[in-house]
Amino acid sequence: MSIKDNANDWATHQIQARQRMHDSGGKPGVASMDQLAGKTGRQILEGMMSGELPHPHMNETLDFDLMEVGDGHAVFQGVPHLRYYNPMGTVHGGWYSTLLDSALGCAVQSKLPAGRAYTTAELSINIVRAASHKTGPLRAVANVIHSGKQIATAEAKILDAEGRLYAHATTTCFVFDVMGPTR
């Protein structure tokens, strides 16, 4: 398989994933507490991927999608379009950061039982290669390192279809009980 075929396969997989989600009624939004009640973190993520639950508006704004979720594992894919450029003519560091933070957070979320949530407490990234609109799709592949009662840590890499590294990151997340609706 050539480099172009690999990148084209990734692009096709992202189009298909987004289409499956939309065909099942998936749309951007924020899930209600009732929709999330009793679901594990992984079930919530799978619900977003299947279209059963709304997905973040940000996914469409930044043209990236959750492609895969497993136990302590998440993969996001995005396309670094011209609209994400900085004044220097390359993809803005905030795009890398958001793609990595999304993958890292979802990897952590996939480990959480029902009634628990997380928030990013620390994010550290290193950009090692510039991306452009010619790069093609990039994937942020994240894995949990530690999942404790109050703290979880994870690491991720942004790679292209040929396995070239563009950025890597670590996170520390604060894990907490979800508060139910106040009455």
Protein backbone atom coordinates (compact mmCIF):
# COMPACT_ATOMS: atom_id res chain seq x y z
CA MET A 1 0.00 0.00 0.00
CA SER A 2 1.38 3.41 -0.91
CA ILE A 3 1.61 6.40 1.41
CA LYS A 4 -1.26 8.09 -0.43
CA ASP A 5 -3.46 4.97 -0.20
CA ASN A 6 -2.88 4.76 3.57
CA ALA A 7 -3.81 8.41 4.11
CA ASN A 8 -6.82 7.97 1.81
CA ASP A 9 -7.93 4.93 3.84
CA TRP A 10 -7.76 7.01 7.02
CA ALA A 11 -9.78 9.79 5.41
CA THR A 12 -12.36 7.26 4.20
CA HIS A 13 -12.61 5.71 7.70
CA GLN A 14 -13.28 9.12 9.22
CA ILE A 15 -15.98 9.92 6.65
CA GLN A 16 -17.61 6.53 7.27
CA ALA A 17 -17.48 6.94 11.07
CA ARG A 18 -19.08 10.39 10.87
CA GLN A 19 -21.74 9.13 8.44
CA ARG A 20 -22.64 6.16 10.68
CA MET A 21 -23.00 8.52 13.64
CA HIS A 22 -25.20 10.98 11.72
CA ASP A 23 -27.28 8.20 10.11
CA SER A 24 -28.12 6.98 13.62
CA GLY A 25 -29.35 10.42 14.66
CA GLY A 26 -26.06 11.69 16.11
CA LYS A 27 -25.74 15.44 16.27
CA PRO A 28 -23.71 17.97 18.22
CA GLY A 29 -24.94 18.91 21.65
CA VAL A 30 -24.62 18.23 25.35
CA ALA A 31 -26.09 15.07 26.84
CA SER A 32 -28.51 15.47 29.73
CA MET A 33 -27.88 13.90 33.13
CA ASP A 34 -30.80 11.55 32.41
CA GLN A 35 -29.12 10.37 29.19
CA LEU A 36 -25.86 9.68 31.04
CA ALA A 37 -27.32 8.13 34.20
CA GLY A 38 -26.10 4.59 34.86
CA LYS A 39 -23.61 4.60 31.97
CA THR A 40 -19.91 3.96 32.37
CA GLY A 41 -17.47 6.36 30.76
CA ARG A 42 -16.86 3.90 27.96
CA GLN A 43 -20.59 3.44 27.35
CA ILE A 44 -20.97 7.22 27.06
CA LEU A 45 -18.19 7.42 24.48
CA GLU A 46 -19.60 4.47 22.54
CA GLY A 47 -23.01 6.20 22.65
CA MET A 48 -21.50 9.31 21.08
CA MET A 49 -19.80 7.22 18.38
CA SER A 50 -23.02 5.35 17.58
CA GLY A 51 -25.15 8.51 17.47
CA GLU A 52 -27.21 7.49 20.50
CA LEU A 53 -25.79 10.44 22.47
CA PRO A 54 -24.85 13.90 21.21
CA HIS A 55 -21.18 14.57 20.46
CA PRO A 56 -19.32 17.80 21.28
CA HIS A 57 -19.81 20.72 18.87
CA MET A 58 -16.05 21.11 18.94
CA ASN A 59 -15.62 17.92 16.90
CA GLU A 60 -17.27 19.54 13.92
CA THR A 61 -15.65 22.93 14.48
CA LEU A 62 -12.14 21.43 14.47
CA ASP A 63 -12.91 18.58 12.02
CA PHE A 64 -11.94 15.69 14.24
CA ASP A 65 -13.72 12.58 15.44
CA LEU A 66 -13.47 9.85 18.04
CA MET A 67 -12.55 6.86 15.90
CA GLU A 68 -11.93 4.16 18.47
CA VAL A 69 -12.39 3.57 22.18
CA GLY A 70 -11.29 0.68 24.37
CA ASP A 71 -10.41 0.03 27.99
CA GLY A 72 -8.06 2.91 28.75
CA HIS A 73 -7.56 3.66 25.06
CA ALA A 74 -8.93 6.29 22.65
CA VAL A 75 -8.11 7.38 19.11
CA PHE A 76 -9.14 10.70 17.61
CA GLN A 77 -8.54 11.63 14.00
CA GLY A 78 -8.42 15.09 12.52
CA VAL A 79 -7.49 16.89 9.35
CA PRO A 80 -5.20 19.95 9.71
CA HIS A 81 -6.92 22.32 7.29
CA LEU A 82 -5.75 25.81 6.33
CA ARG A 83 -8.31 27.35 8.70
CA TYR A 84 -6.22 26.04 11.63
CA TYR A 85 -3.03 27.81 10.56
CA ASN A 86 -1.08 30.22 12.74
CA PRO A 87 0.60 33.37 11.36
CA MET A 88 3.76 31.35 10.67
CA GLY A 89 1.95 29.27 8.03
CA THR A 90 1.66 25.97 9.92
CA VAL A 91 -1.04 24.36 12.04
CA HIS A 92 -1.59 26.26 15.29
CA GLY A 93 -0.41 24.57 18.48
CA GLY A 94 -3.92 24.88 19.90
CA TRP A 95 -5.20 22.44 17.26
CA TYR A 96 -2.59 19.87 18.30
CA SER A 97 -3.39 20.51 21.96
CA THR A 98 -7.12 20.10 21.51
CA LEU A 99 -6.75 16.90 19.49
CA LEU A 100 -4.37 15.46 22.12
CA ASP A 101 -6.46 16.64 25.10
CA SER A 102 -9.56 15.05 23.56
CA ALA A 103 -7.86 11.69 23.05
CA LEU A 104 -6.21 11.75 26.47
CA GLY A 105 -9.43 12.69 28.27
CA CYS A 106 -11.48 10.06 26.46
CA ALA A 107 -8.88 7.39 27.27
CA VAL A 108 -9.30 8.34 30.94
CA GLN A 109 -13.10 8.49 30.60
CA SER A 110 -13.16 4.97 29.15
CA LYS A 111 -11.92 3.66 32.52
CA LEU A 112 -14.55 5.41 34.65
CA PRO A 113 -17.49 3.60 36.25
CA ALA A 114 -21.01 5.03 36.13
CA GLY A 115 -21.37 8.14 38.27
CA ARG A 116 -17.76 9.30 37.86
CA ALA A 117 -16.31 12.03 35.65
CA TYR A 118 -12.98 13.75 35.07
CA THR A 119 -11.46 17.08 34.18
CA THR A 120 -8.02 17.86 32.84
CA ALA A 121 -5.78 19.19 35.61
CA GLU A 122 -2.53 19.28 33.61
CA LEU A 123 -1.65 18.93 29.94
CA SER A 124 1.91 18.90 28.64
CA ILE A 125 2.58 18.70 24.90
CA ASN A 126 5.61 18.62 22.67
CA ILE A 127 5.19 19.42 18.97
CA VAL A 128 8.03 17.78 17.06
CA ARG A 129 6.92 18.19 13.42
CA ALA A 130 4.92 20.87 11.63
CA ALA A 131 1.65 19.84 10.00
CA SER A 132 -0.04 21.49 7.05
CA HIS A 133 -3.12 21.02 4.88
CA LYS A 134 -0.96 18.70 2.73
CA THR A 135 -0.19 16.38 5.65
CA GLY A 136 -3.47 14.48 5.42
CA PRO A 137 -5.32 13.02 8.39
CA LEU A 138 -3.55 12.78 11.73
CA ARG A 139 -4.42 10.50 14.64
CA ALA A 140 -4.03 11.12 18.35
CA VAL A 141 -3.61 7.72 19.98
CA ALA A 142 -3.96 7.81 23.78
CA ASN A 143 -3.51 5.24 26.53
CA VAL A 144 -4.08 5.46 30.28
CA ILE A 145 -0.99 5.01 32.41
CA HIS A 146 -2.72 5.16 35.83
CA SER A 147 -6.38 5.22 36.78
CA GLY A 148 -6.91 5.90 40.47
CA LYS A 149 -9.79 7.01 42.63
CA GLN A 150 -8.94 10.73 42.35
CA ILE A 151 -6.12 11.01 39.78
CA ALA A 152 -5.63 9.46 36.35
CA THR A 153 -2.71 9.92 33.97
CA ALA A 154 -2.41 9.16 30.28
CA GLU A 155 -0.06 9.64 27.33
CA ALA A 156 -0.73 10.20 23.64
CA LYS A 157 1.00 10.67 20.30
CA ILE A 158 -0.15 12.36 17.09
CA LEU A 159 0.88 10.24 14.11
CA ASP A 160 0.30 10.31 10.38
CA ALA A 161 -0.72 7.29 8.30
CA GLU A 162 2.94 6.30 7.88
CA GLY A 163 3.62 6.40 11.61
CA ARG A 164 5.56 9.68 11.64
CA LEU A 165 5.37 11.48 14.98
CA TYR A 166 4.01 15.06 15.00
CA ALA A 167 3.44 15.62 18.72
CA HIS A 168 3.25 13.78 22.02
CA ALA A 169 1.60 14.64 25.31
CA THR A 170 0.81 13.59 28.84
CA THR A 171 -2.07 14.54 31.08
CA THR A 172 -3.10 14.39 34.69
CA CYS A 173 -6.85 14.31 35.24
CA PHE A 174 -8.84 14.89 38.40
CA VAL A 175 -11.51 12.18 38.85
CA PHE A 176 -14.66 12.92 40.85
CA ASP A 177 -18.25 11.86 41.56
CA VAL A 178 -20.88 13.31 39.24
CA MET A 179 -23.38 15.48 41.04
CA GLY A 180 -26.97 14.64 40.24
CA PRO A 181 -29.50 17.28 39.25
CA THR A 182 -30.44 19.64 42.08
CA ARG A 183 -34.09 19.76 42.99
